[in-house]
Amino acid sequence: MSPEGSFNDLVHEPIRLRICGLLRAVDELDFAVLRDTIGISDAALSKHLKVLATAGFVSSKKIASATRTDARRMTWLQLTDEGRAVFDGHIRALRQIAAGSASSL
């Protein structure tokens, strides 16, 4: 892994940056927890997740909940290996920019 970062416009969008940051800290996260933590609607979160999934940065799986009596399933989200690498590189690039590094400008 390169010590230099790589700025990523797709990840940099504020909501997607928060999504990636929250998912980076865990193995996986429930859609509802992510939605409530960020404070956006289901539709808005789904839109951002679709962008990240299309890029190959986020994956999801639906699992039946043992605590529910209905047929609804929970959606679990996680950063892919590529998503983690891109997010980590983006954070390194932001740190370089904040430090005034000429190579990141």
PDB file of N, CA and C in Angstrom:
ATOM      1  N   MET A   1       0.839  -1.174   0.000  1.00  0.00           N
ATOM      2  CA  MET A   1       0.000   0.000   0.000  1.00  0.00           C
ATOM      3  C   MET A   1       0.884   1.236   0.000  1.00  0.00           C
ATOM      4  N   SER A   2       0.591   2.116  -0.903  1.00  0.00           N
ATOM      5  CA  SER A   2       1.376   3.338  -1.053  1.00  0.00           C
ATOM      6  C   SER A   2       1.136   4.295   0.106  1.00  0.00           C
ATOM      7  N   PRO A   3       2.210   4.952   0.602  1.00  0.00           N
ATOM      8  CA  PRO A   3       2.022   5.935   1.670  1.00  0.00           C
ATOM      9  C   PRO A   3       1.342   7.196   1.162  1.00  0.00           C
ATOM     10  N   GLU A   4       1.364   7.404  -0.175  1.00  0.00           N
ATOM     11  CA  GLU A   4       0.688   8.554  -0.741  1.00  0.00           C
ATOM     12  C   GLU A   4      -0.784   8.225  -0.932  1.00  0.00           C
ATOM     13  N   GLY A   5      -1.612   9.217  -0.726  1.00  0.00           N
ATOM     14  CA  GLY A   5      -3.040   9.019  -0.900  1.00  0.00           C
ATOM     15  C   GLY A   5      -3.481   9.329  -2.309  1.00  0.00           C
ATOM     16  N   SER A   6      -4.716   8.993  -2.568  1.00  0.00           N
ATOM     17  CA  SER A   6      -5.313   9.282  -3.857  1.00  0.00           C
ATOM     18  C   SER A   6      -6.703   9.846  -3.613  1.00  0.00           C
ATOM     19  N   PHE A   7      -6.886  11.126  -3.946  1.00  0.00           N
ATOM     20  CA  PHE A   7      -8.165  11.790  -3.750  1.00  0.00           C
ATOM     21  C   PHE A   7      -9.207  11.120  -4.640  1.00  0.00           C
ATOM     22  N   ASN A   8     -10.401  10.862  -4.091  1.00  0.00           N
ATOM     23  CA  ASN A   8     -11.462  10.204  -4.846  1.00  0.00           C
ATOM     24  C   ASN A   8     -12.724  11.056  -4.776  1.00  0.00           C
ATOM     25  N   ASP A   9     -13.130  11.618  -5.908  1.00  0.00           N
ATOM     26  CA  ASP A   9     -14.309  12.490  -5.955  1.00  0.00           C
ATOM     27  C   ASP A   9     -15.584  11.769  -5.551  1.00  0.00           C
ATOM     28  N   LEU A  10     -15.715  10.509  -5.908  1.00  0.00           N
ATOM     29  CA  LEU A  10     -16.923   9.754  -5.573  1.00  0.00           C
ATOM     30  C   LEU A  10     -17.069   9.586  -4.059  1.00  0.00           C
ATOM     31  N   VAL A  11     -15.995   9.257  -3.394  1.00  0.00           N
ATOM     32  CA  VAL A  11     -16.005   9.071  -1.940  1.00  0.00           C
ATOM     33  C   VAL A  11     -16.097  10.415  -1.223  1.00  0.00           C
ATOM     34  N   HIS A  12     -15.555  11.468  -1.823  1.00  0.00           N
ATOM     35  CA  HIS A  12     -15.459  12.760  -1.134  1.00  0.00           C
ATOM     36  C   HIS A  12     -16.809  13.438  -0.891  1.00  0.00           C
ATOM     37  N   GLU A  13     -17.828  13.108  -1.664  1.00  0.00           N
ATOM     38  CA  GLU A  13     -19.157  13.703  -1.443  1.00  0.00           C
ATOM     39  C   GLU A  13     -19.502  13.517   0.033  1.00  0.00           C
ATOM     40  N   PRO A  14     -19.962  14.558   0.747  1.00  0.00           N
ATOM     41  CA  PRO A  14     -20.089  14.503   2.215  1.00  0.00           C
ATOM     42  C   PRO A  14     -20.855  13.310   2.795  1.00  0.00           C
ATOM     43  N   ILE A  15     -21.998  12.961   2.239  1.00  0.00           N
ATOM     44  CA  ILE A  15     -22.754  11.822   2.780  1.00  0.00           C
ATOM     45  C   ILE A  15     -22.001  10.528   2.529  1.00  0.00           C
ATOM     46  N   ARG A  16     -21.447  10.361   1.329  1.00  0.00           N
ATOM     47  CA  ARG A  16     -20.705   9.134   1.027  1.00  0.00           C
ATOM     48  C   ARG A  16     -19.427   9.035   1.851  1.00  0.00           C
ATOM     49  N   LEU A  17     -18.805  10.160   2.137  1.00  0.00           N
ATOM     50  CA  LEU A  17     -17.624  10.156   3.004  1.00  0.00           C
ATOM     51  C   LEU A  17     -18.009   9.653   4.394  1.00  0.00           C
ATOM     52  N   ARG A  18     -19.139  10.112   4.902  1.00  0.00           N
ATOM     53  CA  ARG A  18     -19.617   9.651   6.217  1.00  0.00           C
ATOM     54  C   ARG A  18     -19.982   8.172   6.187  1.00  0.00           C
ATOM     55  N   ILE A  19     -20.639   7.730   5.111  1.00  0.00           N
ATOM     56  CA  ILE A  19     -20.994   6.312   4.974  1.00  0.00           C
ATOM     57  C   ILE A  19     -19.726   5.459   5.018  1.00  0.00           C
ATOM     58  N   CYS A  20     -18.748   5.832   4.211  1.00  0.00           N
ATOM     59  CA  CYS A  20     -17.498   5.056   4.166  1.00  0.00           C
ATOM     60  C   CYS A  20     -16.780   5.088   5.505  1.00  0.00           C
ATOM     61  N   GLY A  21     -16.763   6.235   6.157  1.00  0.00           N
ATOM     62  CA  GLY A  21     -16.113   6.341   7.462  1.00  0.00           C
ATOM     63  C   GLY A  21     -16.773   5.445   8.500  1.00  0.00           C
ATOM     64  N   LEU A  22     -18.091   5.430   8.507  1.00  0.00           N
ATOM     65  CA  LEU A  22     -18.805   4.571   9.466  1.00  0.00           C
ATOM     66  C   LEU A  22     -18.600   3.098   9.145  1.00  0.00           C
ATOM     67  N   LEU A  23     -18.657   2.745   7.870  1.00  0.00           N
ATOM     68  CA  LEU A  23     -18.463   1.345   7.497  1.00  0.00           C
ATOM     69  C   LEU A  23     -17.010   0.902   7.679  1.00  0.00           C
ATOM     70  N   ARG A  24     -16.075   1.821   7.556  1.00  0.00           N
ATOM     71  CA  ARG A  24     -14.657   1.471   7.712  1.00  0.00           C
ATOM     72  C   ARG A  24     -14.349   1.019   9.132  1.00  0.00           C
ATOM     73  N   ALA A  25     -15.104   1.538  10.085  1.00  0.00           N
ATOM     74  CA  ALA A  25     -14.835   1.254  11.495  1.00  0.00           C
ATOM     75  C   ALA A  25     -15.400  -0.088  11.961  1.00  0.00           C
ATOM     76  N   VAL A  26     -16.185  -0.760  11.118  1.00  0.00           N
ATOM     77  CA  VAL A  26     -16.836  -2.009  11.525  1.00  0.00           C
ATOM     78  C   VAL A  26     -16.707  -3.047  10.417  1.00  0.00           C
ATOM     79  N   ASP A  27     -17.014  -4.296  10.768  1.00  0.00           N
ATOM     80  CA  ASP A  27     -17.049  -5.341   9.743  1.00  0.00           C
ATOM     81  C   ASP A  27     -18.278  -5.183   8.863  1.00  0.00           C
ATOM     82  N   GLU A  28     -19.421  -4.911   9.492  1.00  0.00           N
ATOM     83  CA  GLU A  28     -20.660  -4.676   8.768  1.00  0.00           C
ATOM     84  C   GLU A  28     -21.600  -3.873   9.652  1.00  0.00           C
ATOM     85  N   LEU A  29     -22.590  -3.240   9.013  1.00  0.00           N
ATOM     86  CA  LEU A  29     -23.506  -2.377   9.743  1.00  0.00           C
ATOM     87  C   LEU A  29     -24.895  -2.511   9.137  1.00  0.00           C
ATOM     88  N   ASP A  30     -25.900  -2.533   9.985  1.00  0.00           N
ATOM     89  CA  ASP A  30     -27.287  -2.615   9.545  1.00  0.00           C
ATOM     90  C   ASP A  30     -27.692  -1.312   8.855  1.00  0.00           C
ATOM     91  N   PHE A  31     -28.444  -1.425   7.772  1.00  0.00           N
ATOM     92  CA  PHE A  31     -28.917  -0.277   7.012  1.00  0.00           C
ATOM     93  C   PHE A  31     -29.602   0.738   7.923  1.00  0.00           C
ATOM     94  N   ALA A  32     -30.497   0.280   8.791  1.00  0.00           N
ATOM     95  CA  ALA A  32     -31.254   1.193   9.661  1.00  0.00           C
ATOM     96  C   ALA A  32     -30.341   1.940  10.632  1.00  0.00           C
ATOM     97  N   VAL A  33     -29.335   1.274  11.139  1.00  0.00           N
ATOM     98  CA  VAL A  33     -28.391   1.933  12.052  1.00  0.00           C
ATOM     99  C   VAL A  33     -27.603   2.993  11.297  1.00  0.00           C
ATOM    100  N   LEU A  34     -27.158   2.665  10.087  1.00  0.00           N
ATOM    101  CA  LEU A  34     -26.426   3.627   9.269  1.00  0.00           C
ATOM    102  C   LEU A  34     -27.313   4.830   8.945  1.00  0.00           C
ATOM    103  N   ARG A  35     -28.539   4.567   8.528  1.00  0.00           N
ATOM    104  CA  ARG A  35     -29.494   5.640   8.206  1.00  0.00           C
ATOM    105  C   ARG A  35     -29.719   6.567   9.397  1.00  0.00           C
ATOM    106  N   ASP A  36     -29.969   5.968  10.566  1.00  0.00           N
ATOM    107  CA  ASP A  36     -30.246   6.770  11.759  1.00  0.00           C
ATOM    108  C   ASP A  36     -29.015   7.542  12.234  1.00  0.00           C
ATOM    109  N   THR A  37     -27.853   6.947  12.112  1.00  0.00           N
ATOM    110  CA  THR A  37     -26.615   7.611  12.532  1.00  0.00           C
ATOM    111  C   THR A  37     -26.327   8.833  11.657  1.00  0.00           C
ATOM    112  N   ILE A  38     -26.535   8.682  10.359  1.00  0.00           N
ATOM    113  CA  ILE A  38     -26.293   9.787   9.438  1.00  0.00           C
ATOM    114  C   ILE A  38     -27.450  10.791   9.482  1.00  0.00           C
ATOM    115  N   GLY A  39     -28.654  10.293   9.735  1.00  0.00           N
ATOM    116  CA  GLY A  39     -29.812  11.178   9.823  1.00  0.00           C
ATOM    117  C   GLY A  39     -30.405  11.555   8.479  1.00  0.00           C
ATOM    118  N   ILE A  40     -30.480  10.574   7.564  1.00  0.00           N
ATOM    119  CA  ILE A  40     -31.096  10.821   6.263  1.00  0.00           C
ATOM    120  C   ILE A  40     -32.198   9.793   6.022  1.00  0.00           C
ATOM    121  N   SER A  41     -32.963  10.001   4.966  1.00  0.00           N
ATOM    122  CA  SER A  41     -34.067   9.099   4.650  1.00  0.00           C
ATOM    123  C   SER A  41     -33.562   7.787   4.045  1.00  0.00           C
ATOM    124  N   ASP A  42     -34.434   6.787   4.044  1.00  0.00           N
ATOM    125  CA  ASP A  42     -34.110   5.514   3.400  1.00  0.00           C
ATOM    126  C   ASP A  42     -33.738   5.744   1.929  1.00  0.00           C
ATOM    127  N   ALA A  43     -34.543   6.560   1.248  1.00  0.00           N
ATOM    128  CA  ALA A  43     -34.318   6.799  -0.182  1.00  0.00           C
ATOM    129  C   ALA A  43     -32.968   7.468  -0.439  1.00  0.00           C
ATOM    130  N   ALA A  44     -32.642   8.459   0.376  1.00  0.00           N
ATOM    131  CA  ALA A  44     -31.357   9.152   0.200  1.00  0.00           C
ATOM    132  C   ALA A  44     -30.191   8.209   0.461  1.00  0.00           C
ATOM    133  N   LEU A  45     -30.281   7.406   1.515  1.00  0.00           N
ATOM    134  CA  LEU A  45     -29.207   6.462   1.816  1.00  0.00           C
ATOM    135  C   LEU A  45     -29.082   5.437   0.698  1.00  0.00           C
ATOM    136  N   SER A  46     -30.217   4.925   0.227  1.00  0.00           N
ATOM    137  CA  SER A  46     -30.189   3.945  -0.860  1.00  0.00           C
ATOM    138  C   SER A  46     -29.514   4.510  -2.104  1.00  0.00           C
ATOM    139  N   LYS A  47     -29.795   5.768  -2.416  1.00  0.00           N
ATOM    140  CA  LYS A  47     -29.185   6.413  -3.585  1.00  0.00           C
ATOM    141  C   LYS A  47     -27.666   6.462  -3.454  1.00  0.00           C
ATOM    142  N   HIS A  48     -27.175   6.869  -2.294  1.00  0.00           N
ATOM    143  CA  HIS A  48     -25.727   6.943  -2.086  1.00  0.00           C
ATOM    144  C   HIS A  48     -25.092   5.550  -2.073  1.00  0.00           C
ATOM    145  N   LEU A  49     -25.773   4.593  -1.470  1.00  0.00           N
ATOM    146  CA  LEU A  49     -25.248   3.231  -1.442  1.00  0.00           C
ATOM    147  C   LEU A  49     -25.175   2.634  -2.842  1.00  0.00           C
ATOM    148  N   LYS A  50     -26.146   2.975  -3.692  1.00  0.00           N
ATOM    149  CA  LYS A  50     -26.125   2.467  -5.065  1.00  0.00           C
ATOM    150  C   LYS A  50     -24.894   2.984  -5.805  1.00  0.00           C
ATOM    151  N   VAL A  51     -24.567   4.252  -5.615  1.00  0.00           N
ATOM    152  CA  VAL A  51     -23.374   4.831  -6.251  1.00  0.00           C
ATOM    153  C   VAL A  51     -22.127   4.084  -5.775  1.00  0.00           C
ATOM    154  N   LEU A  52     -22.031   3.884  -4.461  1.00  0.00           N
ATOM    155  CA  LEU A  52     -20.860   3.198  -3.896  1.00  0.00           C
ATOM    156  C   LEU A  52     -20.806   1.734  -4.334  1.00  0.00           C
ATOM    157  N   ALA A  53     -21.959   1.079  -4.400  1.00  0.00           N
ATOM    158  CA  ALA A  53     -21.993  -0.331  -4.814  1.00  0.00           C
ATOM    159  C   ALA A  53     -21.633  -0.475  -6.289  1.00  0.00           C
ATOM    160  N   THR A  54     -22.124   0.426  -7.121  1.00  0.00           N
ATOM    161  CA  THR A  54     -21.812   0.392  -8.558  1.00  0.00           C
ATOM    162  C   THR A  54     -20.311   0.547  -8.790  1.00  0.00           C
ATOM    163  N   ALA A  55     -19.668   1.334  -7.947  1.00  0.00           N
ATOM    164  CA  ALA A  55     -18.216   1.517  -8.048  1.00  0.00           C
ATOM    165  C   ALA A  55     -17.450   0.332  -7.462  1.00  0.00           C
ATOM    166  N   GLY A  56     -18.161  -0.562  -6.788  1.00  0.00           N
ATOM    167  CA  GLY A  56     -17.504  -1.723  -6.182  1.00  0.00           C
ATOM    168  C   GLY A  56     -16.971  -1.465  -4.790  1.00  0.00           C
ATOM    169  N   PHE A  57     -17.395  -0.369  -4.156  1.00  0.00           N
ATOM    170  CA  PHE A  57     -16.864   0.009  -2.852  1.00  0.00           C
ATOM    171  C   PHE A  57     -17.673  -0.538  -1.681  1.00  0.00           C
ATOM    172  N   VAL A  58     -18.948  -0.843  -1.893  1.00  0.00           N
ATOM    173  CA  VAL A  58     -19.833  -1.324  -0.822  1.00  0.00           C
ATOM    174  C   VAL A  58     -20.567  -2.561  -1.311  1.00  0.00           C
ATOM    175  N   SER A  59     -20.752  -3.511  -0.415  1.00  0.00           N
ATOM    176  CA  SER A  59     -21.572  -4.682  -0.718  1.00  0.00           C
ATOM    177  C   SER A  59     -22.658  -4.797   0.353  1.00  0.00           C
ATOM    178  N   SER A  60     -23.715  -5.514   0.014  1.00  0.00           N
ATOM    179  CA  SER A  60     -24.812  -5.693   0.965  1.00  0.00           C
ATOM    180  C   SER A  60     -25.312  -7.128   0.924  1.00  0.00           C
ATOM    181  N   LYS A  61     -25.949  -7.517   2.020  1.00  0.00           N
ATOM    182  CA  LYS A  61     -26.597  -8.823   2.066  1.00  0.00           C
ATOM    183  C   LYS A  61     -27.844  -8.673   2.918  1.00  0.00           C
ATOM    184  N   LYS A  62     -28.867  -9.414   2.544  1.00  0.00           N
ATOM    185  CA  LYS A  62     -30.131  -9.382   3.275  1.00  0.00           C
ATOM    186  C   LYS A  62     -30.259 -10.689   4.050  1.00  0.00           C
ATOM    187  N   ILE A  63     -30.596 -10.543   5.335  1.00  0.00           N
ATOM    188  CA  ILE A  63     -30.692 -11.704   6.215  1.00  0.00           C
ATOM    189  C   ILE A  63     -31.979 -11.598   7.026  1.00  0.00           C
ATOM    190  N   ALA A  64     -32.652 -12.713   7.175  1.00  0.00           N
ATOM    191  CA  ALA A  64     -33.842 -12.745   8.015  1.00  0.00           C
ATOM    192  C   ALA A  64     -33.436 -12.471   9.456  1.00  0.00           C
ATOM    193  N   SER A  65     -34.259 -11.707  10.137  1.00  0.00           N
ATOM    194  CA  SER A  65     -33.970 -11.366  11.528  1.00  0.00           C
ATOM    195  C   SER A  65     -34.639 -12.356  12.464  1.00  0.00           C
ATOM    196  N   ALA A  66     -33.878 -12.860  13.414  1.00  0.00           N
ATOM    197  CA  ALA A  66     -34.423 -13.803  14.393  1.00  0.00           C
ATOM    198  C   ALA A  66     -35.374 -13.111  15.359  1.00  0.00           C
ATOM    199  N   THR A  67     -35.282 -11.788  15.454  1.00  0.00           N
ATOM    200  CA  THR A  67     -36.116 -11.058  16.402  1.00  0.00           C
ATOM    201  C   THR A  67     -37.435 -10.589  15.797  1.00  0.00           C
ATOM    202  N   ARG A  68     -37.612 -10.743  14.493  1.00  0.00           N
ATOM    203  CA  ARG A  68     -38.851 -10.311  13.841  1.00  0.00           C
ATOM    204  C   ARG A  68     -39.768 -11.494  13.600  1.00  0.00           C
ATOM    205  N   THR A  69     -41.048 -11.220  13.678  1.00  0.00           N
ATOM    206  CA  THR A  69     -42.029 -12.280  13.415  1.00  0.00           C
ATOM    207  C   THR A  69     -42.569 -12.187  11.994  1.00  0.00           C
ATOM    208  N   ASP A  70     -42.260 -11.115  11.273  1.00  0.00           N
ATOM    209  CA  ASP A  70     -42.716 -10.980   9.888  1.00  0.00           C
ATOM    210  C   ASP A  70     -41.617 -11.442   8.930  1.00  0.00           C
ATOM    211  N   ALA A  71     -41.873 -11.306   7.652  1.00  0.00           N
ATOM    212  CA  ALA A  71     -40.932 -11.810   6.644  1.00  0.00           C
ATOM    213  C   ALA A  71     -39.870 -10.798   6.244  1.00  0.00           C
ATOM    214  N   ARG A  72     -39.912  -9.604   6.825  1.00  0.00           N
ATOM    215  CA  ARG A  72     -38.915  -8.593   6.455  1.00  0.00           C
ATOM    216  C   ARG A  72     -37.504  -9.060   6.801  1.00  0.00           C
ATOM    217  N   ARG A  73     -36.579  -8.606   5.972  1.00  0.00           N
ATOM    218  CA  ARG A  73     -35.185  -8.986   6.189  1.00  0.00           C
ATOM    219  C   ARG A  73     -34.360  -7.746   6.464  1.00  0.00           C
ATOM    220  N   MET A  74     -33.282  -7.931   7.187  1.00  0.00           N
ATOM    221  CA  MET A  74     -32.370  -6.830   7.509  1.00  0.00           C
ATOM    222  C   MET A  74     -31.289  -6.758   6.426  1.00  0.00           C
ATOM    223  N   THR A  75     -30.918  -5.548   6.082  1.00  0.00           N
ATOM    224  CA  THR A  75     -29.857  -5.336   5.099  1.00  0.00           C
ATOM    225  C   THR A  75     -28.580  -4.956   5.833  1.00  0.00           C
ATOM    226  N   TRP A  76     -27.555  -5.767   5.638  1.00  0.00           N
ATOM    227  CA  TRP A  76     -26.245  -5.522   6.249  1.00  0.00           C
ATOM    228  C   TRP A  76     -25.303  -5.012   5.177  1.00  0.00           C
ATOM    229  N   LEU A  77     -24.537  -3.994   5.519  1.00  0.00           N
ATOM    230  CA  LEU A  77     -23.646  -3.330   4.575  1.00  0.00           C
ATOM    231  C   LEU A  77     -22.203  -3.428   5.040  1.00  0.00           C
ATOM    232  N   GLN A  78     -21.303  -3.469   4.074  1.00  0.00           N
ATOM    233  CA  GLN A  78     -19.880  -3.450   4.419  1.00  0.00           C
ATOM    234  C   GLN A  78     -19.084  -2.871   3.271  1.00  0.00           C
ATOM    235  N   LEU A  79     -17.938  -2.302   3.621  1.00  0.00           N
ATOM    236  CA  LEU A  79     -17.007  -1.860   2.584  1.00  0.00           C
ATOM    237  C   LEU A  79     -16.339  -3.097   2.003  1.00  0.00           C
ATOM    238  N   THR A  80     -16.168  -3.113   0.701  1.00  0.00           N
ATOM    239  CA  THR A  80     -15.411  -4.186   0.065  1.00  0.00           C
ATOM    240  C   THR A  80     -13.923  -3.916   0.315  1.00  0.00           C
ATOM    241  N   ASP A  81     -13.086  -4.869  -0.037  1.00  0.00           N
ATOM    242  CA  ASP A  81     -11.642  -4.649   0.087  1.00  0.00           C
ATOM    243  C   ASP A  81     -11.226  -3.440  -0.749  1.00  0.00           C
ATOM    244  N   GLU A  82     -11.793  -3.332  -1.947  1.00  0.00           N
ATOM    245  CA  GLU A  82     -11.488  -2.178  -2.796  1.00  0.00           C
ATOM    246  C   GLU A  82     -11.991  -0.887  -2.148  1.00  0.00           C
ATOM    247  N   GLY A  83     -13.178  -0.935  -1.564  1.00  0.00           N
ATOM    248  CA  GLY A  83     -13.732   0.238  -0.892  1.00  0.00           C
ATOM    249  C   GLY A  83     -12.858   0.696   0.263  1.00  0.00           C
ATOM    250  N   ARG A  84     -12.354  -0.271   1.038  1.00  0.00           N
ATOM    251  CA  ARG A  84     -11.464   0.073   2.153  1.00  0.00           C
ATOM    252  C   ARG A  84     -10.181   0.729   1.635  1.00  0.00           C
ATOM    253  N   ALA A  85      -9.621   0.168   0.581  1.00  0.00           N
ATOM    254  CA  ALA A  85      -8.381   0.708   0.025  1.00  0.00           C
ATOM    255  C   ALA A  85      -8.595   2.117  -0.528  1.00  0.00           C
ATOM    256  N   VAL A  86      -9.694   2.324  -1.243  1.00  0.00           N
ATOM    257  CA  VAL A  86      -9.982   3.643  -1.809  1.00  0.00           C
ATOM    258  C   VAL A  86     -10.241   4.650  -0.690  1.00  0.00           C
ATOM    259  N   PHE A  87     -11.031   4.268   0.310  1.00  0.00           N
ATOM    260  CA  PHE A  87     -11.306   5.173   1.429  1.00  0.00           C
ATOM    261  C   PHE A  87     -10.024   5.522   2.171  1.00  0.00           C
ATOM    262  N   ASP A  88      -9.207   4.518   2.468  1.00  0.00           N
ATOM    263  CA  ASP A  88      -7.947   4.768   3.176  1.00  0.00           C
ATOM    264  C   ASP A  88      -7.046   5.695   2.371  1.00  0.00           C
ATOM    265  N   GLY A  89      -6.977   5.483   1.052  1.00  0.00           N
ATOM    266  CA  GLY A  89      -6.175   6.346   0.190  1.00  0.00           C
ATOM    267  C   GLY A  89      -6.727   7.765   0.150  1.00  0.00           C
ATOM    268  N   HIS A  90      -8.040   7.881   0.168  1.00  0.00           N
ATOM    269  CA  HIS A  90      -8.671   9.205   0.165  1.00  0.00           C
ATOM    270  C   HIS A  90      -8.347   9.952   1.460  1.00  0.00           C
ATOM    271  N   ILE A  91      -8.413   9.255   2.571  1.00  0.00           N
ATOM    272  CA  ILE A  91      -8.091   9.873   3.869  1.00  0.00           C
ATOM    273  C   ILE A  91      -6.627  10.305   3.895  1.00  0.00           C
ATOM    274  N   ARG A  92      -5.732   9.476   3.353  1.00  0.00           N
ATOM    275  CA  ARG A  92      -4.317   9.861   3.283  1.00  0.00           C
ATOM    276  C   ARG A  92      -4.155  11.126   2.437  1.00  0.00           C
ATOM    277  N   ALA A  93      -4.882  11.195   1.325  1.00  0.00           N
ATOM    278  CA  ALA A  93      -4.801  12.387   0.468  1.00  0.00           C
ATOM    279  C   ALA A  93      -5.305  13.623   1.201  1.00  0.00           C
ATOM    280  N   LEU A  94      -6.390  13.492   1.951  1.00  0.00           N
ATOM    281  CA  LEU A  94      -6.907  14.627   2.718  1.00  0.00           C
ATOM    282  C   LEU A  94      -5.901  15.082   3.766  1.00  0.00           C
ATOM    283  N   ARG A  95      -5.230  14.123   4.401  1.00  0.00           N
ATOM    284  CA  ARG A  95      -4.203  14.482   5.390  1.00  0.00           C
ATOM    285  C   ARG A  95      -3.040  15.213   4.731  1.00  0.00           C
ATOM    286  N   GLN A  96      -2.664  14.773   3.530  1.00  0.00           N
ATOM    287  CA  GLN A  96      -1.585  15.434   2.805  1.00  0.00           C
ATOM    288  C   GLN A  96      -1.998  16.860   2.432  1.00  0.00           C
ATOM    289  N   ILE A  97      -3.242  17.025   1.995  1.00  0.00           N
ATOM    290  CA  ILE A  97      -3.740  18.355   1.645  1.00  0.00           C
ATOM    291  C   ILE A  97      -3.734  19.241   2.896  1.00  0.00           C
ATOM    292  N   ALA A  98      -4.228  18.695   4.022  1.00  0.00           N
ATOM    293  CA  ALA A  98      -4.274  19.472   5.273  1.00  0.00           C
ATOM    294  C   ALA A  98      -2.875  19.861   5.739  1.00  0.00           C
ATOM    295  N   ALA A  99      -1.898  19.013   5.459  1.00  0.00           N
ATOM    296  CA  ALA A  99      -0.516  19.298   5.867  1.00  0.00           C
ATOM    297  C   ALA A  99       0.183  20.233   4.885  1.00  0.00           C
ATOM    298  N   GLY A 100      -0.476  20.558   3.774  1.00  0.00           N
ATOM    299  CA  GLY A 100       0.128  21.454   2.800  1.00  0.00           C
ATOM    300  C   GLY A 100       1.137  20.788   1.897  1.00  0.00           C
ATOM    301  N   SER A 101       1.029  19.477   1.757  1.00  0.00           N
ATOM    302  CA  SER A 101       1.950  18.741   0.910  1.00  0.00           C
ATOM    303  C   SER A 101       1.780  19.154  -0.546  1.00  0.00           C
ATOM    304  N   ALA A 102       2.858  19.553  -1.191  1.00  0.00           N
ATOM    305  CA  ALA A 102       2.818  20.020  -2.574  1.00  0.00           C
ATOM    306  C   ALA A 102       2.377  18.908  -3.526  1.00  0.00           C
ATOM    307  N   SER A 103       2.671  17.654  -3.204  1.00  0.00           N
ATOM    308  CA  SER A 103       2.331  16.549  -4.108  1.00  0.00           C
ATOM    309  C   SER A 103       0.838  16.284  -4.139  1.00  0.00           C
ATOM    310  N   SER A 104       0.091  16.748  -3.128  1.00  0.00           N
ATOM    311  CA  SER A 104      -1.342  16.470  -3.086  1.00  0.00           C
ATOM    312  C   SER A 104      -2.175  17.617  -3.642  1.00  0.00           C
ATOM    313  N   LEU A 105      -1.540  18.728  -3.949  1.00  0.00           N
ATOM    314  CA  LEU A 105      -2.287  19.912  -4.421  1.00  0.00           C
ATOM    315  C   LEU A 105      -2.498  19.896  -5.900  1.00  0.00           C
TER     316      LEU A 105
END
